[in-house]
PDB file of N, CA and C in Angstrom:
ATOM      1  N   MET A   1      18.233 -53.016  41.187  1.00  0.00           N
ATOM      2  CA  MET A   1      17.369 -52.095  40.477  1.00  0.00           C
ATOM      3  C   MET A   1      16.788 -51.056  41.435  1.00  0.00           C
ATOM      4  N   HIS A   2      16.516 -51.448  42.671  1.00  0.00           N
ATOM      5  CA  HIS A   2      15.910 -50.516  43.626  1.00  0.00           C
ATOM      6  C   HIS A   2      16.826 -49.353  43.974  1.00  0.00           C
ATOM      7  N   ASP A   3      18.123 -49.509  43.744  1.00  0.00           N
ATOM      8  CA  ASP A   3      19.033 -48.398  44.015  1.00  0.00           C
ATOM      9  C   ASP A   3      19.127 -47.442  42.833  1.00  0.00           C
ATOM     10  N   LEU A   4      18.478 -47.790  41.718  1.00  0.00           N
ATOM     11  CA  LEU A   4      18.518 -46.963  40.509  1.00  0.00           C
ATOM     12  C   LEU A   4      17.192 -46.293  40.185  1.00  0.00           C
ATOM     13  N   ILE A   5      16.109 -47.013  40.443  1.00  0.00           N
ATOM     14  CA  ILE A   5      14.800 -46.597  39.950  1.00  0.00           C
ATOM     15  C   ILE A   5      13.797 -46.551  41.097  1.00  0.00           C
ATOM     16  N   THR A   6      12.968 -45.512  41.090  1.00  0.00           N
ATOM     17  CA  THR A   6      11.868 -45.410  42.047  1.00  0.00           C
ATOM     18  C   THR A   6      10.557 -45.442  41.281  1.00  0.00           C
ATOM     19  N   ILE A   7       9.631 -46.257  41.781  1.00  0.00           N
ATOM     20  CA  ILE A   7       8.271 -46.283  41.242  1.00  0.00           C
ATOM     21  C   ILE A   7       7.345 -46.118  42.443  1.00  0.00           C
ATOM     22  N   HIS A   8       6.683 -44.982  42.501  1.00  0.00           N
ATOM     23  CA  HIS A   8       5.799 -44.687  43.631  1.00  0.00           C
ATOM     24  C   HIS A   8       4.626 -43.863  43.115  1.00  0.00           C
ATOM     25  N   PRO A   9       3.414 -44.199  43.534  1.00  0.00           N
ATOM     26  CA  PRO A   9       2.244 -43.479  43.004  1.00  0.00           C
ATOM     27  C   PRO A   9       2.249 -41.979  43.273  1.00  0.00           C
ATOM     28  N   ASP A  10       2.963 -41.542  44.292  1.00  0.00           N
ATOM     29  CA  ASP A  10       3.008 -40.110  44.614  1.00  0.00           C
ATOM     30  C   ASP A  10       4.124 -39.361  43.884  1.00  0.00           C
ATOM     31  N   ILE A  11       4.936 -40.076  43.119  1.00  0.00           N
ATOM     32  CA  ILE A  11       6.039 -39.450  42.379  1.00  0.00           C
ATOM     33  C   ILE A  11       5.761 -39.616  40.891  1.00  0.00           C
ATOM     34  N   VAL A  12       5.464 -38.526  40.230  1.00  0.00           N
ATOM     35  CA  VAL A  12       5.152 -38.491  38.788  1.00  0.00           C
ATOM     36  C   VAL A  12       4.118 -39.574  38.442  1.00  0.00           C
ATOM     37  N   SER A  13       3.099 -39.690  39.280  1.00  0.00           N
ATOM     38  CA  SER A  13       1.978 -40.625  39.063  1.00  0.00           C
ATOM     39  C   SER A  13       2.419 -42.072  38.857  1.00  0.00           C
ATOM     40  N   GLY A  14       3.490 -42.470  39.514  1.00  0.00           N
ATOM     41  CA  GLY A  14       3.946 -43.851  39.423  1.00  0.00           C
ATOM     42  C   GLY A  14       4.849 -44.149  38.248  1.00  0.00           C
ATOM     43  N   THR A  15       5.216 -43.136  37.489  1.00  0.00           N
ATOM     44  CA  THR A  15       6.152 -43.318  36.379  1.00  0.00           C
ATOM     45  C   THR A  15       7.522 -43.683  36.943  1.00  0.00           C
ATOM     46  N   PRO A  16       8.197 -44.692  36.387  1.00  0.00           N
ATOM     47  CA  PRO A  16       9.545 -45.012  36.864  1.00  0.00           C
ATOM     48  C   PRO A  16      10.488 -43.820  36.667  1.00  0.00           C
ATOM     49  N   VAL A  17      11.152 -43.417  37.749  1.00  0.00           N
ATOM     50  CA  VAL A  17      12.074 -42.276  37.713  1.00  0.00           C
ATOM     51  C   VAL A  17      13.428 -42.693  38.265  1.00  0.00           C
ATOM     52  N   PHE A  18      14.446 -41.904  37.941  1.00  0.00           N
ATOM     53  CA  PHE A  18      15.753 -42.108  38.554  1.00  0.00           C
ATOM     54  C   PHE A  18      15.615 -41.857  40.051  1.00  0.00           C
ATOM     55  N   LYS A  19      16.145 -42.757  40.850  1.00  0.00           N
ATOM     56  CA  LYS A  19      16.032 -42.637  42.304  1.00  0.00           C
ATOM     57  C   LYS A  19      16.569 -41.285  42.767  1.00  0.00           C
ATOM     58  N   GLY A  20      15.830 -40.662  43.666  1.00  0.00           N
ATOM     59  CA  GLY A  20      16.224 -39.372  44.213  1.00  0.00           C
ATOM     60  C   GLY A  20      15.879 -38.188  43.334  1.00  0.00           C
ATOM     61  N   THR A  21      15.155 -38.454  42.230  1.00  0.00           N
ATOM     62  CA  THR A  21      14.768 -37.386  41.306  1.00  0.00           C
ATOM     63  C   THR A  21      13.300 -37.555  40.933  1.00  0.00           C
ATOM     64  N   ARG A  22      12.831 -36.657  40.106  1.00  0.00           N
ATOM     65  CA  ARG A  22      11.514 -36.789  39.489  1.00  0.00           C
ATOM     66  C   ARG A  22      11.686 -36.922  37.970  1.00  0.00           C
ATOM     67  N   VAL A  23      12.848 -37.370  37.546  1.00  0.00           N
ATOM     68  CA  VAL A  23      13.176 -37.486  36.125  1.00  0.00           C
ATOM     69  C   VAL A  23      12.809 -38.889  35.636  1.00  0.00           C
ATOM     70  N   PRO A  24      11.853 -38.990  34.713  1.00  0.00           N
ATOM     71  CA  PRO A  24      11.455 -40.305  34.208  1.00  0.00           C
ATOM     72  C   PRO A  24      12.600 -41.028  33.491  1.00  0.00           C
ATOM     73  N   ILE A  25      12.686 -42.321  33.730  1.00  0.00           N
ATOM     74  CA  ILE A  25      13.678 -43.164  33.057  1.00  0.00           C
ATOM     75  C   ILE A  25      13.497 -43.067  31.544  1.00  0.00           C
ATOM     76  N   LYS A  26      12.246 -43.032  31.099  1.00  0.00           N
ATOM     77  CA  LYS A  26      11.953 -42.976  29.663  1.00  0.00           C
ATOM     78  C   LYS A  26      12.615 -41.785  28.986  1.00  0.00           C
ATOM     79  N   SER A  27      12.798 -40.707  29.718  1.00  0.00           N
ATOM     80  CA  SER A  27      13.400 -39.518  29.104  1.00  0.00           C
ATOM     81  C   SER A  27      14.803 -39.806  28.583  1.00  0.00           C
ATOM     82  N   LEU A  28      15.549 -40.646  29.279  1.00  0.00           N
ATOM     83  CA  LEU A  28      16.894 -41.006  28.818  1.00  0.00           C
ATOM     84  C   LEU A  28      16.814 -41.729  27.481  1.00  0.00           C
ATOM     85  N   PHE A  29      15.915 -42.697  27.384  1.00  0.00           N
ATOM     86  CA  PHE A  29      15.795 -43.461  26.144  1.00  0.00           C
ATOM     87  C   PHE A  29      15.227 -42.617  25.007  1.00  0.00           C
ATOM     88  N   ASP A  30      14.369 -41.664  25.332  1.00  0.00           N
ATOM     89  CA  ASP A  30      13.866 -40.737  24.312  1.00  0.00           C
ATOM     90  C   ASP A  30      15.015 -39.918  23.727  1.00  0.00           C
ATOM     91  N   TYR A  31      15.882 -39.417  24.583  1.00  0.00           N
ATOM     92  CA  TYR A  31      17.041 -38.650  24.113  1.00  0.00           C
ATOM     93  C   TYR A  31      17.922 -39.505  23.213  1.00  0.00           C
ATOM     94  N   LEU A  32      18.269 -40.682  23.694  1.00  0.00           N
ATOM     95  CA  LEU A  32      19.175 -41.540  22.935  1.00  0.00           C
ATOM     96  C   LEU A  32      18.550 -41.981  21.615  1.00  0.00           C
ATOM     97  N   ALA A  33      17.249 -42.239  21.616  1.00  0.00           N
ATOM     98  CA  ALA A  33      16.559 -42.675  20.397  1.00  0.00           C
ATOM     99  C   ALA A  33      16.538 -41.598  19.325  1.00  0.00           C
ATOM    100  N   THR A  34      16.599 -40.334  19.740  1.00  0.00           N
ATOM    101  CA  THR A  34      16.593 -39.245  18.759  1.00  0.00           C
ATOM    102  C   THR A  34      18.005 -38.814  18.374  1.00  0.00           C
ATOM    103  N   GLY A  35      18.999 -39.585  18.824  1.00  0.00           N
ATOM    104  CA  GLY A  35      20.375 -39.313  18.429  1.00  0.00           C
ATOM    105  C   GLY A  35      21.117 -38.327  19.304  1.00  0.00           C
ATOM    106  N   GLN A  36      20.485 -37.887  20.379  1.00  0.00           N
ATOM    107  CA  GLN A  36      21.175 -36.963  21.277  1.00  0.00           C
ATOM    108  C   GLN A  36      22.157 -37.742  22.154  1.00  0.00           C
ATOM    109  N   SER A  37      23.196 -37.087  22.551  1.00  0.00           N
ATOM    110  CA  SER A  37      24.247 -37.753  23.319  1.00  0.00           C
ATOM    111  C   SER A  37      23.883 -37.858  24.792  1.00  0.00           C
ATOM    112  N   LEU A  38      24.556 -38.771  25.456  1.00  0.00           N
ATOM    113  CA  LEU A  38      24.396 -38.896  26.901  1.00  0.00           C
ATOM    114  C   LEU A  38      24.823 -37.606  27.584  1.00  0.00           C
ATOM    115  N   GLU A  39      25.858 -36.975  27.082  1.00  0.00           N
ATOM    116  CA  GLU A  39      26.333 -35.719  27.670  1.00  0.00           C
ATOM    117  C   GLU A  39      25.262 -34.633  27.612  1.00  0.00           C
ATOM    118  N   THR A  40      24.569 -34.553  26.475  1.00  0.00           N
ATOM    119  CA  THR A  40      23.484 -33.578  26.337  1.00  0.00           C
ATOM    120  C   THR A  40      22.379 -33.874  27.343  1.00  0.00           C
ATOM    121  N   TYR A  41      22.040 -35.142  27.471  1.00  0.00           N
ATOM    122  CA  TYR A  41      21.010 -35.535  28.438  1.00  0.00           C
ATOM    123  C   TYR A  41      21.407 -35.110  29.846  1.00  0.00           C
ATOM    124  N   LEU A  42      22.640 -35.395  30.223  1.00  0.00           N
ATOM    125  CA  LEU A  42      23.104 -35.068  31.571  1.00  0.00           C
ATOM    126  C   LEU A  42      23.146 -33.559  31.805  1.00  0.00           C
ATOM    127  N   GLU A  43      23.436 -32.792  30.760  1.00  0.00           N
ATOM    128  CA  GLU A  43      23.395 -31.329  30.878  1.00  0.00           C
ATOM    129  C   GLU A  43      21.960 -30.846  31.096  1.00  0.00           C
ATOM    130  N   ASP A  44      21.019 -31.473  30.392  1.00  0.00           N
ATOM    131  CA  ASP A  44      19.616 -31.067  30.495  1.00  0.00           C
ATOM    132  C   ASP A  44      18.944 -31.572  31.775  1.00  0.00           C
ATOM    133  N   PHE A  45      19.480 -32.647  32.341  1.00  0.00           N
ATOM    134  CA  PHE A  45      18.933 -33.228  33.574  1.00  0.00           C
ATOM    135  C   PHE A  45      20.054 -33.386  34.600  1.00  0.00           C
ATOM    136  N   PRO A  46      20.500 -32.286  35.183  1.00  0.00           N
ATOM    137  CA  PRO A  46      21.653 -32.329  36.091  1.00  0.00           C
ATOM    138  C   PRO A  46      21.412 -33.126  37.376  1.00  0.00           C
ATOM    139  N   ASN A  47      20.159 -33.439  37.686  1.00  0.00           N
ATOM    140  CA  ASN A  47      19.882 -34.253  38.873  1.00  0.00           C
ATOM    141  C   ASN A  47      20.178 -35.732  38.658  1.00  0.00           C
ATOM    142  N   VAL A  48      20.405 -36.120  37.403  1.00  0.00           N
ATOM    143  CA  VAL A  48      20.751 -37.501  37.075  1.00  0.00           C
ATOM    144  C   VAL A  48      22.262 -37.581  36.908  1.00  0.00           C
ATOM    145  N   SER A  49      22.892 -38.494  37.620  1.00  0.00           N
ATOM    146  CA  SER A  49      24.347 -38.641  37.500  1.00  0.00           C
ATOM    147  C   SER A  49      24.682 -39.527  36.300  1.00  0.00           C
ATOM    148  N   LYS A  50      25.892 -39.368  35.814  1.00  0.00           N
ATOM    149  CA  LYS A  50      26.347 -40.201  34.703  1.00  0.00           C
ATOM    150  C   LYS A  50      26.314 -41.669  35.108  1.00  0.00           C
ATOM    151  N   GLU A  51      26.706 -41.950  36.338  1.00  0.00           N
ATOM    152  CA  GLU A  51      26.693 -43.329  36.838  1.00  0.00           C
ATOM    153  C   GLU A  51      25.273 -43.907  36.811  1.00  0.00           C
ATOM    154  N   GLN A  52      24.292 -43.125  37.254  1.00  0.00           N
ATOM    155  CA  GLN A  52      22.900 -43.589  37.225  1.00  0.00           C
ATOM    156  C   GLN A  52      22.466 -43.904  35.795  1.00  0.00           C
ATOM    157  N   ALA A  53      22.740 -42.988  34.886  1.00  0.00           N
ATOM    158  CA  ALA A  53      22.311 -43.165  33.495  1.00  0.00           C
ATOM    159  C   ALA A  53      22.953 -44.399  32.878  1.00  0.00           C
ATOM    160  N   LEU A  54      24.246 -44.573  33.083  1.00  0.00           N
ATOM    161  CA  LEU A  54      24.934 -45.728  32.508  1.00  0.00           C
ATOM    162  C   LEU A  54      24.437 -47.036  33.107  1.00  0.00           C
ATOM    163  N   LYS A  55      24.165 -47.039  34.402  1.00  0.00           N
ATOM    164  CA  LYS A  55      23.648 -48.256  35.033  1.00  0.00           C
ATOM    165  C   LYS A  55      22.264 -48.617  34.500  1.00  0.00           C
ATOM    166  N   VAL A  56      21.428 -47.619  34.254  1.00  0.00           N
ATOM    167  CA  VAL A  56      20.096 -47.885  33.706  1.00  0.00           C
ATOM    168  C   VAL A  56      20.208 -48.431  32.283  1.00  0.00           C
ATOM    169  N   VAL A  57      21.104 -47.886  31.487  1.00  0.00           N
ATOM    170  CA  VAL A  57      21.308 -48.406  30.129  1.00  0.00           C
ATOM    171  C   VAL A  57      21.804 -49.850  30.201  1.00  0.00           C
ATOM    172  N   ASP A  58      22.761 -50.124  31.079  1.00  0.00           N
ATOM    173  CA  ASP A  58      23.260 -51.493  31.241  1.00  0.00           C
ATOM    174  C   ASP A  58      22.148 -52.439  31.680  1.00  0.00           C
ATOM    175  N   LEU A  59      21.357 -52.003  32.642  1.00  0.00           N
ATOM    176  CA  LEU A  59      20.257 -52.823  33.141  1.00  0.00           C
ATOM    177  C   LEU A  59      19.253 -53.119  32.034  1.00  0.00           C
ATOM    178  N   SER A  60      18.947 -52.129  31.223  1.00  0.00           N
ATOM    179  CA  SER A  60      17.982 -52.347  30.139  1.00  0.00           C
ATOM    180  C   SER A  60      18.527 -53.360  29.137  1.00  0.00           C
ATOM    181  N   GLY A  61      19.820 -53.310  28.886  1.00  0.00           N
ATOM    182  CA  GLY A  61      20.435 -54.298  28.000  1.00  0.00           C
ATOM    183  C   GLY A  61      20.346 -55.698  28.572  1.00  0.00           C
ATOM    184  N   GLU A  62      20.602 -55.833  29.865  1.00  0.00           N
ATOM    185  CA  GLU A  62      20.501 -57.137  30.522  1.00  0.00           C
ATOM    186  C   GLU A  62      19.079 -57.680  30.447  1.00  0.00           C
ATOM    187  N   VAL A  63      18.106 -56.820  30.696  1.00  0.00           N
ATOM    188  CA  VAL A  63      16.699 -57.238  30.651  1.00  0.00           C
ATOM    189  C   VAL A  63      16.327 -57.676  29.238  1.00  0.00           C
ATOM    190  N   LEU A  64      16.755 -56.932  28.237  1.00  0.00           N
ATOM    191  CA  LEU A  64      16.459 -57.284  26.853  1.00  0.00           C
ATOM    192  C   LEU A  64      17.082 -58.623  26.489  1.00  0.00           C
ATOM    193  N   LEU A  65      18.329 -58.846  26.891  1.00  0.00           N
ATOM    194  CA  LEU A  65      18.981 -60.119  26.594  1.00  0.00           C
ATOM    195  C   LEU A  65      18.280 -61.282  27.282  1.00  0.00           C
ATOM    196  N   LYS A  66      17.843 -61.092  28.513  1.00  0.00           N
ATOM    197  CA  LYS A  66      17.098 -62.149  29.212  1.00  0.00           C
ATOM    198  C   LYS A  66      15.778 -62.434  28.511  1.00  0.00           C
ATOM    199  N   LEU A  67      15.121 -61.388  28.047  1.00  0.00           N
ATOM    200  CA  LEU A  67      13.871 -61.569  27.315  1.00  0.00           C
ATOM    201  C   LEU A  67      14.112 -62.367  26.041  1.00  0.00           C
ATOM    202  N   CYS A  68      15.151 -62.011  25.317  1.00  0.00           N
ATOM    203  CA  CYS A  68      15.475 -62.724  24.080  1.00  0.00           C
ATOM    204  C   CYS A  68      15.813 -64.181  24.364  1.00  0.00           C
ATOM    205  N   ASP A  69      16.537 -64.429  25.448  1.00  0.00           N
ATOM    206  CA  ASP A  69      16.879 -65.799  25.820  1.00  0.00           C
ATOM    207  C   ASP A  69      15.635 -66.613  26.141  1.00  0.00           C
ATOM    208  N   SER A  70      14.613 -65.962  26.666  1.00  0.00           N
ATOM    209  CA  SER A  70      13.399 -66.680  27.052  1.00  0.00           C
ATOM    210  C   SER A  70      12.492 -66.976  25.862  1.00  0.00           C
ATOM    211  N   LEU A  71      12.737 -66.328  24.757  1.00  0.00           N
ATOM    212  CA  LEU A  71      11.940 -66.553  23.557  1.00  0.00           C
ATOM    213  C   LEU A  71      12.657 -67.539  22.648  1.00  0.00           C
ATOM    214  N   SER A  72      11.910 -68.338  21.968  1.00  0.00           N
ATOM    215  CA  SER A  72      12.540 -69.242  21.012  1.00  0.00           C
ATOM    216  C   SER A  72      12.811 -68.488  19.714  1.00  0.00           C
ATOM    217  N   TYR A  73      13.757 -68.971  18.946  1.00  0.00           N
ATOM    218  CA  TYR A  73      14.086 -68.362  17.661  1.00  0.00           C
ATOM    219  C   TYR A  73      12.848 -68.306  16.774  1.00  0.00           C
ATOM    220  N   GLU A  74      12.044 -69.346  16.790  1.00  0.00           N
ATOM    221  CA  GLU A  74      10.848 -69.388  15.951  1.00  0.00           C
ATOM    222  C   GLU A  74       9.858 -68.288  16.313  1.00  0.00           C
ATOM    223  N   SER A  75       9.696 -68.015  17.595  1.00  0.00           N
ATOM    224  CA  SER A  75       8.720 -66.999  17.981  1.00  0.00           C
ATOM    225  C   SER A  75       9.187 -65.598  17.620  1.00  0.00           C
ATOM    226  N   ILE A  76      10.485 -65.411  17.506  1.00  0.00           N
ATOM    227  CA  ILE A  76      11.014 -64.098  17.145  1.00  0.00           C
ATOM    228  C   ILE A  76      10.800 -63.807  15.661  1.00  0.00           C
ATOM    229  N   ILE A  77      11.019 -64.818  14.813  1.00  0.00           N
ATOM    230  CA  ILE A  77      10.937 -64.567  13.375  1.00  0.00           C
ATOM    231  C   ILE A  77       9.539 -64.781  12.807  1.00  0.00           C
ATOM    232  N   GLY A  78       8.622 -65.208  13.589  1.00  0.00           N
ATOM    233  CA  GLY A  78       7.282 -65.254  13.063  1.00  0.00           C
ATOM    234  C   GLY A  78       6.560 -66.483  13.378  1.00  0.00           C
TER     235      GLY A  78
END
């Protein structure tokens, strides 16, 4: 994760950003959530590489799956 994301109080007030940029990670998910394509995101944020974006999406999926695994079925449904 440290090769993908930087969190530092002097960079965008500690907001997680793509390493080597000042582009918040959240911006990628905001784009995707509104139906915009990864290609559009990469055009709008040329400092973020396609490899970086795809790795962050993969990492978020892994984290979500681990979270789900740690929760019991009962706690998820109510």
